[in-house]
Amino acid sequence: MGLTMKMGERELLFRFTTRAWLEIEEKIGSLSKLLNRIDEEDRPLDASITLAAACATAGERHRGSGDVITTDMLIDGLSPKDIKHANMLARRALTLGMRRERVDKDDEEIVDVVLEELRREELKKKDTVQAPG
């Protein structure tokens, strides 16, 4: 059970872990860049497959196999319809993996830590663009 789908005889499990996040940063630069590429249609299929491969590999690690699911394996093993389904599962895994909330002690407001991180990255990006060079 969980976020799974078939690729041939293999059942892929999609999870989002810290290692998956680091792998995405290594390939794309940052998680927010990957999401921007998907949302802003800057090679969205490539970015979606990168996310799906990272999440499927994290699923394999969770199972204890340690197999690496590459983007080429997904491209060769899945139809376009299945790639779309894999992307949906990977996005759901990302959401579940990043859903970390904390309560600030001062006002007991629930804070979305991931949203805070994305806002910080956006502010850094704006500061970099506005800084005299």
N, C-alpha and C. Protein backbone atom coordinates (compact mmCIF):
# COMPACT_ATOMS: atom_id res chain seq x y z
N MET A 1 0.84 -1.19 0.00
CA MET A 1 0.00 0.00 0.00
C MET A 1 0.88 1.24 0.00
N GLY A 2 0.30 2.37 -0.26
CA GLY A 2 1.06 3.60 -0.32
C GLY A 2 1.05 4.16 -1.72
N LEU A 3 2.05 4.92 -2.01
CA LEU A 3 2.17 5.57 -3.32
C LEU A 3 2.96 4.66 -4.24
N THR A 4 2.26 3.76 -4.91
CA THR A 4 2.93 2.76 -5.74
C THR A 4 2.30 2.69 -7.13
N MET A 5 3.10 2.18 -8.06
CA MET A 5 2.63 1.90 -9.42
C MET A 5 3.55 0.85 -10.01
N LYS A 6 3.10 0.21 -11.07
CA LYS A 6 3.89 -0.83 -11.74
C LYS A 6 4.70 -0.22 -12.87
N MET A 7 5.93 -0.72 -13.00
CA MET A 7 6.75 -0.45 -14.17
C MET A 7 7.25 -1.81 -14.62
N GLY A 8 6.57 -2.38 -15.60
CA GLY A 8 6.85 -3.77 -15.99
C GLY A 8 6.48 -4.68 -14.83
N GLU A 9 7.40 -5.50 -14.42
CA GLU A 9 7.17 -6.41 -13.29
C GLU A 9 7.50 -5.76 -11.95
N ARG A 10 8.11 -4.61 -11.97
CA ARG A 10 8.56 -3.94 -10.75
C ARG A 10 7.46 -3.03 -10.22
N GLU A 11 7.29 -3.07 -8.92
CA GLU A 11 6.38 -2.12 -8.29
C GLU A 11 7.22 -0.98 -7.71
N LEU A 12 6.96 0.22 -8.19
CA LEU A 12 7.66 1.39 -7.71
C LEU A 12 6.94 1.98 -6.51
N LEU A 13 7.68 2.30 -5.48
CA LEU A 13 7.15 2.97 -4.29
C LEU A 13 7.74 4.38 -4.29
N PHE A 14 6.90 5.39 -4.14
CA PHE A 14 7.35 6.77 -4.17
C PHE A 14 7.36 7.35 -2.76
N ARG A 15 8.54 7.82 -2.36
CA ARG A 15 8.73 8.47 -1.07
C ARG A 15 9.61 9.69 -1.29
N PHE A 16 9.47 10.67 -0.43
CA PHE A 16 10.36 11.82 -0.49
C PHE A 16 11.12 11.90 0.82
N THR A 17 12.44 11.82 0.71
CA THR A 17 13.31 11.82 1.88
C THR A 17 14.34 12.94 1.74
N THR A 18 15.11 13.13 2.79
CA THR A 18 16.17 14.13 2.74
C THR A 18 17.18 13.78 1.65
N ARG A 19 17.50 12.50 1.51
CA ARG A 19 18.44 12.09 0.46
C ARG A 19 17.87 12.42 -0.92
N ALA A 20 16.57 12.19 -1.12
CA ALA A 20 15.95 12.54 -2.41
C ALA A 20 16.07 14.04 -2.66
N TRP A 21 15.87 14.83 -1.62
CA TRP A 21 15.98 16.29 -1.73
C TRP A 21 17.41 16.67 -2.15
N LEU A 22 18.40 16.06 -1.49
CA LEU A 22 19.79 16.36 -1.82
C LEU A 22 20.14 15.94 -3.25
N GLU A 23 19.60 14.81 -3.70
CA GLU A 23 19.84 14.37 -5.07
C GLU A 23 19.25 15.35 -6.07
N ILE A 24 18.08 15.87 -5.76
CA ILE A 24 17.46 16.87 -6.64
C ILE A 24 18.29 18.14 -6.66
N GLU A 25 18.78 18.57 -5.49
CA GLU A 25 19.63 19.76 -5.45
C GLU A 25 20.89 19.57 -6.28
N GLU A 26 21.45 18.37 -6.23
CA GLU A 26 22.65 18.09 -7.00
C GLU A 26 22.39 18.17 -8.51
N LYS A 27 21.22 17.69 -8.94
CA LYS A 27 20.90 17.67 -10.37
C LYS A 27 20.35 18.98 -10.89
N ILE A 28 19.51 19.64 -10.09
CA ILE A 28 18.77 20.81 -10.56
C ILE A 28 19.29 22.11 -9.94
N GLY A 29 19.78 22.04 -8.72
CA GLY A 29 20.24 23.24 -8.02
C GLY A 29 19.51 23.47 -6.72
N SER A 30 18.20 23.30 -6.75
CA SER A 30 17.40 23.43 -5.53
C SER A 30 16.01 22.84 -5.78
N LEU A 31 15.34 22.53 -4.72
CA LEU A 31 13.98 22.00 -4.83
C LEU A 31 13.05 23.05 -5.42
N SER A 32 13.23 24.30 -5.02
CA SER A 32 12.35 25.35 -5.56
C SER A 32 12.58 25.53 -7.07
N LYS A 33 13.83 25.38 -7.54
CA LYS A 33 14.09 25.46 -8.98
C LYS A 33 13.37 24.34 -9.72
N LEU A 34 13.40 23.13 -9.14
CA LEU A 34 12.71 22.00 -9.77
C LEU A 34 11.22 22.30 -9.86
N LEU A 35 10.63 22.75 -8.77
CA LEU A 35 9.19 23.03 -8.77
C LEU A 35 8.85 24.17 -9.72
N ASN A 36 9.71 25.17 -9.79
CA ASN A 36 9.49 26.28 -10.74
C ASN A 36 9.54 25.78 -12.17
N ARG A 37 10.49 24.88 -12.46
CA ARG A 37 10.58 24.33 -13.82
C ARG A 37 9.31 23.57 -14.18
N ILE A 38 8.75 22.85 -13.23
CA ILE A 38 7.51 22.11 -13.48
C ILE A 38 6.35 23.08 -13.66
N ASP A 39 6.23 24.03 -12.74
CA ASP A 39 5.08 24.94 -12.75
C ASP A 39 5.15 25.99 -13.85
N GLU A 40 6.35 26.43 -14.20
CA GLU A 40 6.49 27.48 -15.20
C GLU A 40 6.77 26.94 -16.59
N GLU A 41 6.67 25.63 -16.72
CA GLU A 41 6.83 24.96 -18.00
C GLU A 41 8.19 25.22 -18.65
N ASP A 42 9.24 25.18 -17.82
CA ASP A 42 10.61 25.24 -18.31
C ASP A 42 11.16 23.82 -18.27
N ARG A 43 10.94 23.08 -19.35
CA ARG A 43 11.27 21.65 -19.43
C ARG A 43 10.56 20.89 -18.30
N PRO A 44 9.25 21.03 -18.20
CA PRO A 44 8.53 20.40 -17.09
C PRO A 44 8.60 18.88 -17.09
N LEU A 45 8.62 18.26 -18.26
CA LEU A 45 8.68 16.80 -18.30
C LEU A 45 10.01 16.30 -17.73
N ASP A 46 11.09 16.94 -18.12
CA ASP A 46 12.42 16.58 -17.61
C ASP A 46 12.46 16.73 -16.08
N ALA A 47 11.95 17.84 -15.58
CA ALA A 47 11.94 18.08 -14.14
C ALA A 47 11.03 17.08 -13.42
N SER A 48 9.89 16.77 -14.02
CA SER A 48 8.96 15.81 -13.42
C SER A 48 9.58 14.42 -13.33
N ILE A 49 10.30 14.02 -14.37
CA ILE A 49 10.93 12.70 -14.37
C ILE A 49 12.07 12.67 -13.35
N THR A 50 12.78 13.77 -13.20
CA THR A 50 13.84 13.85 -12.18
C THR A 50 13.25 13.66 -10.79
N LEU A 51 12.15 14.33 -10.51
CA LEU A 51 11.48 14.18 -9.22
C LEU A 51 10.99 12.75 -9.03
N ALA A 52 10.37 12.18 -10.05
CA ALA A 52 9.85 10.81 -9.95
C ALA A 52 10.98 9.81 -9.70
N ALA A 53 12.11 9.98 -10.38
CA ALA A 53 13.24 9.06 -10.19
C ALA A 53 13.79 9.16 -8.78
N ALA A 54 13.92 10.38 -8.26
CA ALA A 54 14.43 10.57 -6.90
C ALA A 54 13.49 9.94 -5.88
N CYS A 55 12.18 10.12 -6.07
CA CYS A 55 11.21 9.56 -5.14
C CYS A 55 11.13 8.03 -5.23
N ALA A 56 11.23 7.49 -6.45
CA ALA A 56 11.21 6.04 -6.62
C ALA A 56 12.47 5.41 -6.03
N THR A 57 13.60 6.07 -6.17
CA THR A 57 14.84 5.58 -5.57
C THR A 57 14.73 5.60 -4.05
N ALA A 58 14.14 6.66 -3.50
CA ALA A 58 13.92 6.73 -2.05
C ALA A 58 13.01 5.59 -1.60
N GLY A 59 12.02 5.24 -2.41
CA GLY A 59 11.15 4.11 -2.10
C GLY A 59 11.91 2.80 -2.07
N GLU A 60 12.83 2.63 -3.02
CA GLU A 60 13.66 1.42 -3.05
C GLU A 60 14.54 1.35 -1.81
N ARG A 61 15.10 2.47 -1.41
CA ARG A 61 15.91 2.49 -0.19
C ARG A 61 15.07 2.13 1.03
N HIS A 62 13.84 2.65 1.05
CA HIS A 62 12.94 2.35 2.17
C HIS A 62 12.67 0.84 2.25
N ARG A 63 12.55 0.21 1.12
CA ARG A 63 12.32 -1.24 1.08
C ARG A 63 13.58 -2.03 1.41
N GLY A 64 14.73 -1.36 1.39
CA GLY A 64 15.98 -2.03 1.71
C GLY A 64 16.73 -2.58 0.52
N SER A 65 16.22 -2.33 -0.69
CA SER A 65 16.90 -2.88 -1.87
C SER A 65 18.09 -2.02 -2.28
N GLY A 66 17.97 -0.73 -2.12
CA GLY A 66 19.04 0.16 -2.52
C GLY A 66 19.17 0.35 -4.02
N ASP A 67 18.26 -0.22 -4.81
CA ASP A 67 18.30 -0.03 -6.26
C ASP A 67 18.08 1.44 -6.59
N VAL A 68 18.80 1.91 -7.58
CA VAL A 68 18.64 3.29 -8.05
C VAL A 68 17.72 3.26 -9.26
N ILE A 69 16.66 4.02 -9.18
CA ILE A 69 15.74 4.17 -10.31
C ILE A 69 16.16 5.44 -11.05
N THR A 70 16.65 5.27 -12.26
CA THR A 70 17.16 6.41 -13.02
C THR A 70 16.06 7.03 -13.88
N THR A 71 16.34 8.23 -14.33
CA THR A 71 15.39 8.87 -15.25
C THR A 71 15.28 8.05 -16.53
N ASP A 72 16.40 7.50 -16.99
CA ASP A 72 16.37 6.67 -18.21
C ASP A 72 15.49 5.44 -18.01
N MET A 73 15.54 4.83 -16.84
CA MET A 73 14.68 3.67 -16.57
C MET A 73 13.21 4.05 -16.68
N LEU A 74 12.87 5.22 -16.15
CA LEU A 74 11.47 5.66 -16.21
C LEU A 74 11.08 6.01 -17.65
N ILE A 75 11.95 6.69 -18.35
CA ILE A 75 11.67 7.07 -19.73
C ILE A 75 11.47 5.83 -20.60
N ASP A 76 12.34 4.84 -20.42
CA ASP A 76 12.26 3.62 -21.23
C ASP A 76 11.16 2.68 -20.78
N GLY A 77 10.81 2.72 -19.50
CA GLY A 77 9.89 1.73 -18.95
C GLY A 77 8.45 2.18 -18.80
N LEU A 78 8.18 3.47 -18.99
CA LEU A 78 6.83 3.97 -18.78
C LEU A 78 6.30 4.69 -20.02
N SER A 79 5.01 4.54 -20.24
CA SER A 79 4.35 5.28 -21.32
C SER A 79 4.18 6.73 -20.88
N PRO A 80 3.88 7.64 -21.80
CA PRO A 80 3.62 9.03 -21.40
C PRO A 80 2.50 9.13 -20.35
N LYS A 81 1.48 8.32 -20.49
CA LYS A 81 0.39 8.32 -19.50
C LYS A 81 0.92 7.87 -18.14
N ASP A 82 1.78 6.84 -18.14
CA ASP A 82 2.34 6.35 -16.88
C ASP A 82 3.32 7.36 -16.28
N ILE A 83 4.05 8.09 -17.12
CA ILE A 83 4.95 9.14 -16.63
C ILE A 83 4.13 10.19 -15.90
N LYS A 84 2.99 10.54 -16.47
CA LYS A 84 2.12 11.53 -15.83
C LYS A 84 1.65 11.01 -14.47
N HIS A 85 1.31 9.72 -14.41
CA HIS A 85 0.89 9.12 -13.14
C HIS A 85 2.06 9.08 -12.14
N ALA A 86 3.25 8.74 -12.62
CA ALA A 86 4.44 8.73 -11.76
C ALA A 86 4.72 10.12 -11.21
N ASN A 87 4.54 11.14 -12.04
CA ASN A 87 4.73 12.51 -11.57
C ASN A 87 3.72 12.86 -10.49
N MET A 88 2.48 12.46 -10.67
CA MET A 88 1.46 12.73 -9.66
C MET A 88 1.83 12.07 -8.34
N LEU A 89 2.29 10.81 -8.40
CA LEU A 89 2.69 10.10 -7.18
C LEU A 89 3.90 10.75 -6.53
N ALA A 90 4.85 11.18 -7.36
CA ALA A 90 6.04 11.84 -6.82
C ALA A 90 5.70 13.17 -6.17
N ARG A 91 4.80 13.93 -6.77
CA ARG A 91 4.37 15.21 -6.17
C ARG A 91 3.65 14.96 -4.86
N ARG A 92 2.85 13.91 -4.82
CA ARG A 92 2.16 13.56 -3.57
C ARG A 92 3.19 13.13 -2.50
N ALA A 93 4.19 12.35 -2.90
CA ALA A 93 5.25 11.94 -1.97
C ALA A 93 6.00 13.16 -1.45
N LEU A 94 6.27 14.10 -2.34
CA LEU A 94 6.93 15.34 -1.94
C LEU A 94 6.10 16.09 -0.90
N THR A 95 4.82 16.21 -1.17
CA THR A 95 3.93 16.89 -0.24
C THR A 95 3.92 16.20 1.12
N LEU A 96 3.79 14.88 1.10
CA LEU A 96 3.78 14.14 2.36
C LEU A 96 5.12 14.21 3.08
N GLY A 97 6.20 14.11 2.32
CA GLY A 97 7.52 14.15 2.93
C GLY A 97 7.90 15.50 3.50
N MET A 98 7.39 16.56 2.89
CA MET A 98 7.74 17.91 3.33
C MET A 98 6.74 18.50 4.31
N ARG A 99 5.66 17.81 4.54
CA ARG A 99 4.64 18.36 5.43
C ARG A 99 5.13 18.24 6.86
N ARG A 100 5.82 19.27 7.26
CA ARG A 100 6.31 19.35 8.63
C ARG A 100 5.79 20.66 9.18
N GLU A 101 5.00 20.59 10.17
CA GLU A 101 4.47 21.80 10.77
C GLU A 101 4.97 21.89 12.19
N ARG A 102 5.11 23.10 12.65
CA ARG A 102 5.47 23.31 14.05
C ARG A 102 4.59 24.42 14.58
N VAL A 103 4.46 24.48 15.87
CA VAL A 103 3.67 25.53 16.50
C VAL A 103 4.65 26.49 17.16
N ASP A 104 4.59 27.77 16.76
CA ASP A 104 5.41 28.77 17.42
C ASP A 104 4.90 28.95 18.84
N LYS A 105 5.81 28.95 19.78
CA LYS A 105 5.42 29.01 21.19
C LYS A 105 4.77 30.34 21.54
N ASP A 106 5.19 31.42 20.87
CA ASP A 106 4.67 32.74 21.21
C ASP A 106 3.18 32.88 20.90
N ASP A 107 2.78 32.49 19.71
CA ASP A 107 1.39 32.73 19.33
C ASP A 107 0.65 31.45 18.97
N GLU A 108 1.30 30.32 19.08
CA GLU A 108 0.70 29.02 18.80
C GLU A 108 0.08 28.94 17.40
N GLU A 109 0.65 29.68 16.48
CA GLU A 109 0.21 29.61 15.09
C GLU A 109 0.97 28.49 14.40
N ILE A 110 0.26 27.72 13.58
CA ILE A 110 0.92 26.65 12.84
C ILE A 110 1.70 27.27 11.70
N VAL A 111 2.96 26.88 11.59
CA VAL A 111 3.85 27.42 10.58
C VAL A 111 4.26 26.29 9.63
N ASP A 112 4.13 26.54 8.36
CA ASP A 112 4.57 25.56 7.35
C ASP A 112 6.05 25.80 7.09
N VAL A 113 6.89 24.90 7.57
CA VAL A 113 8.33 25.07 7.48
C VAL A 113 8.79 25.09 6.03
N VAL A 114 8.20 24.28 5.18
CA VAL A 114 8.59 24.25 3.77
C VAL A 114 8.27 25.57 3.10
N LEU A 115 7.10 26.10 3.36
CA LEU A 115 6.72 27.39 2.79
C LEU A 115 7.69 28.47 3.25
N GLU A 116 8.08 28.43 4.52
CA GLU A 116 9.07 29.39 5.02
C GLU A 116 10.37 29.30 4.24
N GLU A 117 10.85 28.07 3.99
CA GLU A 117 12.10 27.87 3.27
C GLU A 117 11.99 28.39 1.83
N LEU A 118 10.88 28.11 1.16
CA LEU A 118 10.70 28.60 -0.21
C LEU A 118 10.64 30.13 -0.24
N ARG A 119 10.02 30.73 0.77
CA ARG A 119 9.97 32.20 0.83
C ARG A 119 11.38 32.77 1.05
N ARG A 120 12.17 32.13 1.92
CA ARG A 120 13.55 32.59 2.14
C ARG A 120 14.35 32.51 0.84
N GLU A 121 14.19 31.42 0.09
CA GLU A 121 14.91 31.28 -1.18
C GLU A 121 14.49 32.37 -2.16
N GLU A 122 13.19 32.67 -2.20
CA GLU A 122 12.70 33.71 -3.10
C GLU A 122 13.28 35.07 -2.70
N LEU A 123 13.33 35.36 -1.40
CA LEU A 123 13.89 36.62 -0.94
C LEU A 123 15.37 36.72 -1.28
N LYS A 124 16.11 35.61 -1.12
CA LYS A 124 17.53 35.60 -1.49
C LYS A 124 17.69 35.88 -2.97
N LYS A 125 16.81 35.27 -3.77
CA LYS A 125 16.88 35.44 -5.22
C LYS A 125 16.61 36.91 -5.57
N LYS A 126 15.63 37.52 -4.93
CA LYS A 126 15.31 38.93 -5.20
C LYS A 126 16.45 39.82 -4.75
N ASP A 127 17.05 39.54 -3.58
CA ASP A 127 18.18 40.34 -3.10
C ASP A 127 19.36 40.25 -4.04
N THR A 128 19.59 39.06 -4.61
CA THR A 128 20.69 38.86 -5.55
C THR A 128 20.46 39.65 -6.81
N VAL A 129 19.23 39.67 -7.30
CA VAL A 129 18.90 40.41 -8.53
C VAL A 129 19.01 41.89 -8.30
N GLN A 130 18.60 42.39 -7.11
CA GLN A 130 18.58 43.81 -6.83
C GLN A 130 19.92 44.35 -6.37
N ALA A 131 20.79 43.48 -5.90
CA ALA A 131 22.09 43.93 -5.39
C ALA A 131 22.93 44.49 -6.53
N PRO A 132 23.58 45.64 -6.27
CA PRO A 132 24.43 46.20 -7.32
C PRO A 132 25.62 45.30 -7.57
N GLY A 133 25.96 45.10 -8.80
CA GLY A 133 27.00 44.15 -9.13
C GLY A 133 28.05 44.74 -9.92
